[in-house]
């Protein structure tokens, strides 16, 4: 059984009330050339199309904690960087990597804490290339639209990713069917459809170890 993994937006957990991010990129500490490189790789879509590519330059990030931020094991950040899923501290990363998680890259990340005048070096940026439409069995997958206000909930099925992508309003996933191209032994994977999923075994380990900054839900049924 798989669960969707999301970063927490609860102010009681993450401190801030914006519901989006705990730290923000400190652009002023980088050169214009470096920021241009970050933008060219993480913002222009190249990492979505070059499936096996990694940046051809040395990547690191430096963020600043927002005033009300509570430090959690998994941290949310701003701005968005394609395929950069979360900041994770070293203790939780060690736990995560003791499981069978999909191929990924880790980038050094510094978090500056202006209130305590310190820098935190115990976090990494977790980067993972998307598992694409080729792992999805569209004949068994179910999508939906509506289900809010006066808009009726309607189920949909599509023959392929292009048909689904061109449908309006854009559908949400309800049942994600994975085919034989998918490695069913993975405890964590990042899918173009549905986002981040973790196994029941990994979820239990994260909860037993008190890892903070995460939310789990079973709103998407994953089948084979």
C-alpha atoms as a PDB file:
ATOM      1  CA  UNK A   1       0.000   0.000   0.000  1.00  0.00           C
ATOM      2  CA  UNK A   2       1.220   3.484  -0.881  1.00  0.00           C
ATOM      3  CA  UNK A   3       0.390   6.852   0.685  1.00  0.00           C
ATOM      4  CA  UNK A   4       0.782  10.337  -0.739  1.00  0.00           C
ATOM      5  CA  UNK A   5       3.479  12.293   1.040  1.00  0.00           C
ATOM      6  CA  UNK A   6       3.094  16.048   1.402  1.00  0.00           C
ATOM      7  CA  UNK A   7       4.971  18.695   3.344  1.00  0.00           C
ATOM      8  CA  UNK A   8       3.029  19.988   6.310  1.00  0.00           C
ATOM      9  CA  UNK A   9       1.169  23.292   6.041  1.00  0.00           C
ATOM     10  CA  UNK A  10      -0.038  23.273   9.658  1.00  0.00           C
ATOM     11  CA  UNK A  11       1.167  26.425  11.495  1.00  0.00           C
ATOM     12  CA  UNK A  12       1.322  24.408  14.723  1.00  0.00           C
ATOM     13  CA  UNK A  13       3.958  22.222  13.066  1.00  0.00           C
ATOM     14  CA  UNK A  14       5.878  24.579  10.770  1.00  0.00           C
ATOM     15  CA  UNK A  15       5.360  27.859  12.636  1.00  0.00           C
ATOM     16  CA  UNK A  16       4.584  30.072   9.658  1.00  0.00           C
ATOM     17  CA  UNK A  17       1.022  30.770   8.606  1.00  0.00           C
ATOM     18  CA  UNK A  18       1.580  31.149   4.863  1.00  0.00           C
ATOM     19  CA  UNK A  19       0.889  27.429   4.396  1.00  0.00           C
ATOM     20  CA  UNK A  20       3.569  27.246   1.725  1.00  0.00           C
ATOM     21  CA  UNK A  21       7.177  27.563   2.884  1.00  0.00           C
ATOM     22  CA  UNK A  22       9.433  27.852   5.925  1.00  0.00           C
ATOM     23  CA  UNK A  23      12.602  29.177   4.291  1.00  0.00           C
ATOM     24  CA  UNK A  24      13.329  31.338   1.250  1.00  0.00           C
ATOM     25  CA  UNK A  25      16.274  31.485  -1.108  1.00  0.00           C
ATOM     26  CA  UNK A  26      18.868  34.128  -0.238  1.00  0.00           C
ATOM     27  CA  UNK A  27      19.415  35.418  -3.758  1.00  0.00           C
ATOM     28  CA  UNK A  28      21.769  38.186  -2.622  1.00  0.00           C
ATOM     29  CA  UNK A  29      24.494  35.696  -1.609  1.00  0.00           C
ATOM     30  CA  UNK A  30      24.748  34.294  -5.157  1.00  0.00           C
ATOM     31  CA  UNK A  31      26.247  35.811  -8.274  1.00  0.00           C
ATOM     32  CA  UNK A  32      23.950  36.710 -11.165  1.00  0.00           C
ATOM     33  CA  UNK A  33      25.686  34.047 -13.227  1.00  0.00           C
ATOM     34  CA  UNK A  34      24.940  31.353 -10.645  1.00  0.00           C
ATOM     35  CA  UNK A  35      21.296  32.398 -10.317  1.00  0.00           C
ATOM     36  CA  UNK A  36      21.001  32.275 -14.106  1.00  0.00           C
ATOM     37  CA  UNK A  37      22.327  28.710 -14.060  1.00  0.00           C
ATOM     38  CA  UNK A  38      19.840  27.714 -11.375  1.00  0.00           C
ATOM     39  CA  UNK A  39      17.025  29.226 -13.375  1.00  0.00           C
ATOM     40  CA  UNK A  40      18.127  27.588 -16.636  1.00  0.00           C
ATOM     41  CA  UNK A  41      18.065  24.135 -15.097  1.00  0.00           C
ATOM     42  CA  UNK A  42      15.390  24.199 -12.410  1.00  0.00           C
ATOM     43  CA  UNK A  43      12.881  26.658 -13.879  1.00  0.00           C
ATOM     44  CA  UNK A  44      12.845  26.350 -17.676  1.00  0.00           C
ATOM     45  CA  UNK A  45      11.579  22.780 -17.882  1.00  0.00           C
ATOM     46  CA  UNK A  46      14.805  21.078 -18.971  1.00  0.00           C
ATOM     47  CA  UNK A  47      14.758  18.801 -15.929  1.00  0.00           C
ATOM     48  CA  UNK A  48      11.265  17.672 -16.940  1.00  0.00           C
ATOM     49  CA  UNK A  49      12.335  16.634 -20.433  1.00  0.00           C
ATOM     50  CA  UNK A  50      15.882  15.356 -19.974  1.00  0.00           C
ATOM     51  CA  UNK A  51      14.956  12.271 -17.972  1.00  0.00           C
ATOM     52  CA  UNK A  52      18.432  11.147 -16.955  1.00  0.00           C
ATOM     53  CA  UNK A  53      20.175  14.501 -16.845  1.00  0.00           C
ATOM     54  CA  UNK A  54      21.629  16.234 -13.832  1.00  0.00           C
ATOM     55  CA  UNK A  55      22.953  19.806 -13.699  1.00  0.00           C
ATOM     56  CA  UNK A  56      26.369  20.196 -15.286  1.00  0.00           C
ATOM     57  CA  UNK A  57      27.499  22.594 -12.565  1.00  0.00           C
ATOM     58  CA  UNK A  58      28.115  22.396  -8.826  1.00  0.00           C
ATOM     59  CA  UNK A  59      24.804  23.080  -7.106  1.00  0.00           C
ATOM     60  CA  UNK A  60      24.219  24.329  -3.591  1.00  0.00           C
ATOM     61  CA  UNK A  61      21.451  26.339  -1.967  1.00  0.00           C
ATOM     62  CA  UNK A  62      21.335  28.915   0.794  1.00  0.00           C
ATOM     63  CA  UNK A  63      18.051  29.809   2.460  1.00  0.00           C
ATOM     64  CA  UNK A  64      16.868  32.117   5.235  1.00  0.00           C
ATOM     65  CA  UNK A  65      14.393  31.037   7.894  1.00  0.00           C
ATOM     66  CA  UNK A  66      11.253  33.119   8.075  1.00  0.00           C
ATOM     67  CA  UNK A  67      10.641  34.850  11.400  1.00  0.00           C
ATOM     68  CA  UNK A  68       8.057  32.388  12.777  1.00  0.00           C
ATOM     69  CA  UNK A  69       9.520  29.220  11.246  1.00  0.00           C
ATOM     70  CA  UNK A  70       9.769  26.139  13.426  1.00  0.00           C
ATOM     71  CA  UNK A  71      12.617  23.846  12.442  1.00  0.00           C
ATOM     72  CA  UNK A  72      11.301  20.471  11.235  1.00  0.00           C
ATOM     73  CA  UNK A  73      13.031  17.393   9.833  1.00  0.00           C
ATOM     74  CA  UNK A  74      11.486  17.998   6.414  1.00  0.00           C
ATOM     75  CA  UNK A  75      11.349  21.662   5.394  1.00  0.00           C
ATOM     76  CA  UNK A  76       9.464  23.535   2.685  1.00  0.00           C
ATOM     77  CA  UNK A  77      11.160  26.275   0.686  1.00  0.00           C
ATOM     78  CA  UNK A  78      10.612  29.080  -1.819  1.00  0.00           C
ATOM     79  CA  UNK A  79      10.868  29.570  -4.764  1.00  0.00           C
ATOM     80  CA  UNK A  80       9.842  26.322  -6.427  1.00  0.00           C
ATOM     81  CA  UNK A  81      12.603  24.366  -8.171  1.00  0.00           C
ATOM     82  CA  UNK A  82      11.591  21.630 -10.602  1.00  0.00           C
ATOM     83  CA  UNK A  83      12.065  18.131  -9.146  1.00  0.00           C
ATOM     84  CA  UNK A  84      13.451  19.488  -5.861  1.00  0.00           C
ATOM     85  CA  UNK A  85      11.002  17.870  -3.474  1.00  0.00           C
ATOM     86  CA  UNK A  86      12.034  18.986   0.011  1.00  0.00           C
ATOM     87  CA  UNK A  87      14.846  19.919   2.363  1.00  0.00           C
ATOM     88  CA  UNK A  88      15.692  17.054   4.696  1.00  0.00           C
ATOM     89  CA  UNK A  89      17.969  16.925   7.718  1.00  0.00           C
ATOM     90  CA  UNK A  90      20.803  14.410   8.001  1.00  0.00           C
ATOM     91  CA  UNK A  91      19.106  12.222  10.631  1.00  0.00           C
ATOM     92  CA  UNK A  92      15.954  11.768   8.592  1.00  0.00           C
ATOM     93  CA  UNK A  93      17.944  11.320   5.381  1.00  0.00           C
ATOM     94  CA  UNK A  94      19.830   8.415   6.952  1.00  0.00           C
ATOM     95  CA  UNK A  95      16.495   6.793   7.822  1.00  0.00           C
ATOM     96  CA  UNK A  96      15.075   7.463   4.352  1.00  0.00           C
ATOM     97  CA  UNK A  97      18.097   5.986   2.588  1.00  0.00           C
ATOM     98  CA  UNK A  98      17.869   2.792   4.642  1.00  0.00           C
ATOM     99  CA  UNK A  99      14.803   2.054   2.485  1.00  0.00           C
ATOM    100  CA  UNK A 100      14.514   1.394  -1.226  1.00  0.00           C
ATOM    101  CA  UNK A 101      13.905   4.864  -2.598  1.00  0.00           C
ATOM    102  CA  UNK A 102      14.088   5.899  -6.224  1.00  0.00           C
ATOM    103  CA  UNK A 103      17.262   7.368  -7.718  1.00  0.00           C
ATOM    104  CA  UNK A 104      17.904  10.871  -6.445  1.00  0.00           C
ATOM    105  CA  UNK A 105      20.506  13.568  -5.983  1.00  0.00           C
ATOM    106  CA  UNK A 106      21.370  15.513  -2.836  1.00  0.00           C
ATOM    107  CA  UNK A 107      22.554  19.109  -2.852  1.00  0.00           C
ATOM    108  CA  UNK A 108      24.219  20.862   0.110  1.00  0.00           C
ATOM    109  CA  UNK A 109      21.957  23.472   1.660  1.00  0.00           C
ATOM    110  CA  UNK A 110      22.637  26.139   4.230  1.00  0.00           C
ATOM    111  CA  UNK A 111      19.808  27.611   6.288  1.00  0.00           C
ATOM    112  CA  UNK A 112      20.560  30.968   7.859  1.00  0.00           C
ATOM    113  CA  UNK A 113      18.765  31.777  11.095  1.00  0.00           C
ATOM    114  CA  UNK A 114      18.881  35.582  11.459  1.00  0.00           C
ATOM    115  CA  UNK A 115      17.193  35.568  14.874  1.00  0.00           C
ATOM    116  CA  UNK A 116      19.851  33.339  16.471  1.00  0.00           C
ATOM    117  CA  UNK A 117      22.642  34.587  14.187  1.00  0.00           C
ATOM    118  CA  UNK A 118      23.630  31.094  13.099  1.00  0.00           C
ATOM    119  CA  UNK A 119      23.865  28.921  10.014  1.00  0.00           C
ATOM    120  CA  UNK A 120      22.449  25.404   9.918  1.00  0.00           C
ATOM    121  CA  UNK A 121      24.411  22.962   7.730  1.00  0.00           C
ATOM    122  CA  UNK A 122      22.523  19.751   8.495  1.00  0.00           C
ATOM    123  CA  UNK A 123      20.062  19.869   5.563  1.00  0.00           C
ATOM    124  CA  UNK A 124      20.195  18.615   1.986  1.00  0.00           C
ATOM    125  CA  UNK A 125      18.006  19.441  -0.984  1.00  0.00           C
ATOM    126  CA  UNK A 126      16.371  16.218  -2.230  1.00  0.00           C
ATOM    127  CA  UNK A 127      16.179  16.131  -6.030  1.00  0.00           C
ATOM    128  CA  UNK A 128      14.490  13.307  -7.964  1.00  0.00           C
ATOM    129  CA  UNK A 129      13.654  12.928 -11.631  1.00  0.00           C
ATOM    130  CA  UNK A 130       9.987  12.225 -12.272  1.00  0.00           C
ATOM    131  CA  UNK A 131       8.647   8.768 -12.984  1.00  0.00           C
ATOM    132  CA  UNK A 132       6.786   9.528 -16.206  1.00  0.00           C
ATOM    133  CA  UNK A 133       3.652   8.352 -17.999  1.00  0.00           C
ATOM    134  CA  UNK A 134       5.436   5.170 -19.105  1.00  0.00           C
ATOM    135  CA  UNK A 135       4.861   3.608 -15.658  1.00  0.00           C
ATOM    136  CA  UNK A 136       1.098   4.283 -15.758  1.00  0.00           C
ATOM    137  CA  UNK A 137      -1.534   1.819 -16.933  1.00  0.00           C
ATOM    138  CA  UNK A 138      -4.125   4.292 -18.212  1.00  0.00           C
ATOM    139  CA  UNK A 139      -6.651   1.549 -18.964  1.00  0.00           C
ATOM    140  CA  UNK A 140      -7.026   0.931 -15.215  1.00  0.00           C
ATOM    141  CA  UNK A 141      -6.337   4.432 -13.842  1.00  0.00           C
ATOM    142  CA  UNK A 142      -9.252   6.625 -12.794  1.00  0.00           C
ATOM    143  CA  UNK A 143      -9.293  10.432 -12.735  1.00  0.00           C
ATOM    144  CA  UNK A 144     -11.940  12.883 -11.576  1.00  0.00           C
ATOM    145  CA  UNK A 145     -13.144  16.438 -11.907  1.00  0.00           C
ATOM    146  CA  UNK A 146     -15.526  18.457  -9.732  1.00  0.00           C
ATOM    147  CA  UNK A 147     -16.642  17.427  -6.268  1.00  0.00           C
ATOM    148  CA  UNK A 148     -16.817  20.963  -4.892  1.00  0.00           C
ATOM    149  CA  UNK A 149     -19.625  23.510  -4.565  1.00  0.00           C
ATOM    150  CA  UNK A 150     -22.368  22.749  -7.059  1.00  0.00           C
ATOM    151  CA  UNK A 151     -19.994  20.941  -9.420  1.00  0.00           C
ATOM    152  CA  UNK A 152     -20.747  17.219  -9.466  1.00  0.00           C
ATOM    153  CA  UNK A 153     -17.915  14.731  -8.964  1.00  0.00           C
ATOM    154  CA  UNK A 154     -17.295  12.971 -12.280  1.00  0.00           C
ATOM    155  CA  UNK A 155     -14.908  10.095 -12.956  1.00  0.00           C
ATOM    156  CA  UNK A 156     -12.873   9.945 -16.176  1.00  0.00           C
ATOM    157  CA  UNK A 157     -10.577   7.475 -17.911  1.00  0.00           C
ATOM    158  CA  UNK A 158      -8.076   8.220 -20.659  1.00  0.00           C
ATOM    159  CA  UNK A 159      -6.219   6.139 -23.192  1.00  0.00           C
ATOM    160  CA  UNK A 160      -2.870   7.894 -22.669  1.00  0.00           C
ATOM    161  CA  UNK A 161      -1.081  10.794 -21.037  1.00  0.00           C
ATOM    162  CA  UNK A 162      -1.614  13.205 -23.909  1.00  0.00           C
ATOM    163  CA  UNK A 163      -5.385  12.733 -23.834  1.00  0.00           C
ATOM    164  CA  UNK A 164      -5.410  13.251 -20.070  1.00  0.00           C
ATOM    165  CA  UNK A 165      -3.157  16.323 -20.247  1.00  0.00           C
ATOM    166  CA  UNK A 166      -5.331  18.023 -22.867  1.00  0.00           C
ATOM    167  CA  UNK A 167      -8.591  17.442 -20.981  1.00  0.00           C
ATOM    168  CA  UNK A 168     -10.257  20.485 -19.376  1.00  0.00           C
ATOM    169  CA  UNK A 169     -10.818  21.129 -16.579  1.00  0.00           C
ATOM    170  CA  UNK A 170      -7.572  19.409 -15.691  1.00  0.00           C
ATOM    171  CA  UNK A 171      -8.421  16.125 -13.909  1.00  0.00           C
ATOM    172  CA  UNK A 172      -7.128  14.883 -10.566  1.00  0.00           C
ATOM    173  CA  UNK A 173      -6.000  11.320  -9.954  1.00  0.00           C
ATOM    174  CA  UNK A 174      -8.240   8.957  -7.979  1.00  0.00           C
ATOM    175  CA  UNK A 175      -6.834   5.505  -8.800  1.00  0.00           C
ATOM    176  CA  UNK A 176      -3.257   5.311 -10.060  1.00  0.00           C
ATOM    177  CA  UNK A 177      -2.598   2.000 -11.809  1.00  0.00           C
ATOM    178  CA  UNK A 178       1.070   1.171 -12.333  1.00  0.00           C
ATOM    179  CA  UNK A 179       2.292  -1.197 -15.032  1.00  0.00           C
ATOM    180  CA  UNK A 180       5.238  -3.579 -15.301  1.00  0.00           C
ATOM    181  CA  UNK A 181       7.635  -0.726 -16.074  1.00  0.00           C
ATOM    182  CA  UNK A 182       7.314   0.403 -12.459  1.00  0.00           C
ATOM    183  CA  UNK A 183       9.586  -1.039  -9.760  1.00  0.00           C
ATOM    184  CA  UNK A 184       7.017  -2.202  -7.200  1.00  0.00           C
ATOM    185  CA  UNK A 185       9.760  -2.689  -4.577  1.00  0.00           C
ATOM    186  CA  UNK A 186      10.290   1.057  -4.210  1.00  0.00           C
ATOM    187  CA  UNK A 187       9.448   2.578  -0.828  1.00  0.00           C
ATOM    188  CA  UNK A 188       9.460   6.127  -2.234  1.00  0.00           C
ATOM    189  CA  UNK A 189       8.825   7.332  -5.759  1.00  0.00           C
ATOM    190  CA  UNK A 190       7.976  10.623  -7.447  1.00  0.00           C
ATOM    191  CA  UNK A 191       5.326  10.361 -10.156  1.00  0.00           C
ATOM    192  CA  UNK A 192       4.305  12.899 -12.787  1.00  0.00           C
ATOM    193  CA  UNK A 193       0.765  11.859 -11.854  1.00  0.00           C
ATOM    194  CA  UNK A 194       0.057  12.213  -8.135  1.00  0.00           C
ATOM    195  CA  UNK A 195       3.379  13.486  -6.815  1.00  0.00           C
ATOM    196  CA  UNK A 196       5.345  11.756  -4.033  1.00  0.00           C
ATOM    197  CA  UNK A 197       4.288   8.329  -2.764  1.00  0.00           C
ATOM    198  CA  UNK A 198       5.725   6.241   0.063  1.00  0.00           C
ATOM    199  CA  UNK A 199       5.152   2.676   1.172  1.00  0.00           C
ATOM    200  CA  UNK A 200       3.288   1.734   4.330  1.00  0.00           C
ATOM    201  CA  UNK A 201       6.556   0.370   5.709  1.00  0.00           C
ATOM    202  CA  UNK A 202       8.366   3.688   5.224  1.00  0.00           C
ATOM    203  CA  UNK A 203       5.437   5.657   6.621  1.00  0.00           C
ATOM    204  CA  UNK A 204       5.510   3.540   9.786  1.00  0.00           C
ATOM    205  CA  UNK A 205       9.262   4.109  10.184  1.00  0.00           C
ATOM    206  CA  UNK A 206       8.894   7.885   9.770  1.00  0.00           C
ATOM    207  CA  UNK A 207       6.110   7.988  12.361  1.00  0.00           C
ATOM    208  CA  UNK A 208       7.933   5.712  14.828  1.00  0.00           C
ATOM    209  CA  UNK A 209      11.010   7.942  14.618  1.00  0.00           C
ATOM    210  CA  UNK A 210       8.994  11.118  15.195  1.00  0.00           C
ATOM    211  CA  UNK A 211       9.973  12.724  11.887  1.00  0.00           C
ATOM    212  CA  UNK A 212       8.317  16.138  11.573  1.00  0.00           C
ATOM    213  CA  UNK A 213       7.198  18.374   8.715  1.00  0.00           C
ATOM    214  CA  UNK A 214       5.219  15.711   6.822  1.00  0.00           C
ATOM    215  CA  UNK A 215       1.624  14.757   6.152  1.00  0.00           C
ATOM    216  CA  UNK A 216       0.314  11.478   4.737  1.00  0.00           C
ATOM    217  CA  UNK A 217      -2.974  10.657   3.083  1.00  0.00           C
ATOM    218  CA  UNK A 218      -4.593   7.841   1.155  1.00  0.00           C
ATOM    219  CA  UNK A 219      -6.638  10.047  -1.188  1.00  0.00           C
ATOM    220  CA  UNK A 220      -5.065   8.229  -4.159  1.00  0.00           C
ATOM    221  CA  UNK A 221      -5.407   4.469  -4.433  1.00  0.00           C
ATOM    222  CA  UNK A 222      -2.345   2.870  -6.016  1.00  0.00           C
ATOM    223  CA  UNK A 223      -2.905  -0.452  -7.764  1.00  0.00           C
ATOM    224  CA  UNK A 224      -0.917  -2.804  -9.995  1.00  0.00           C
END
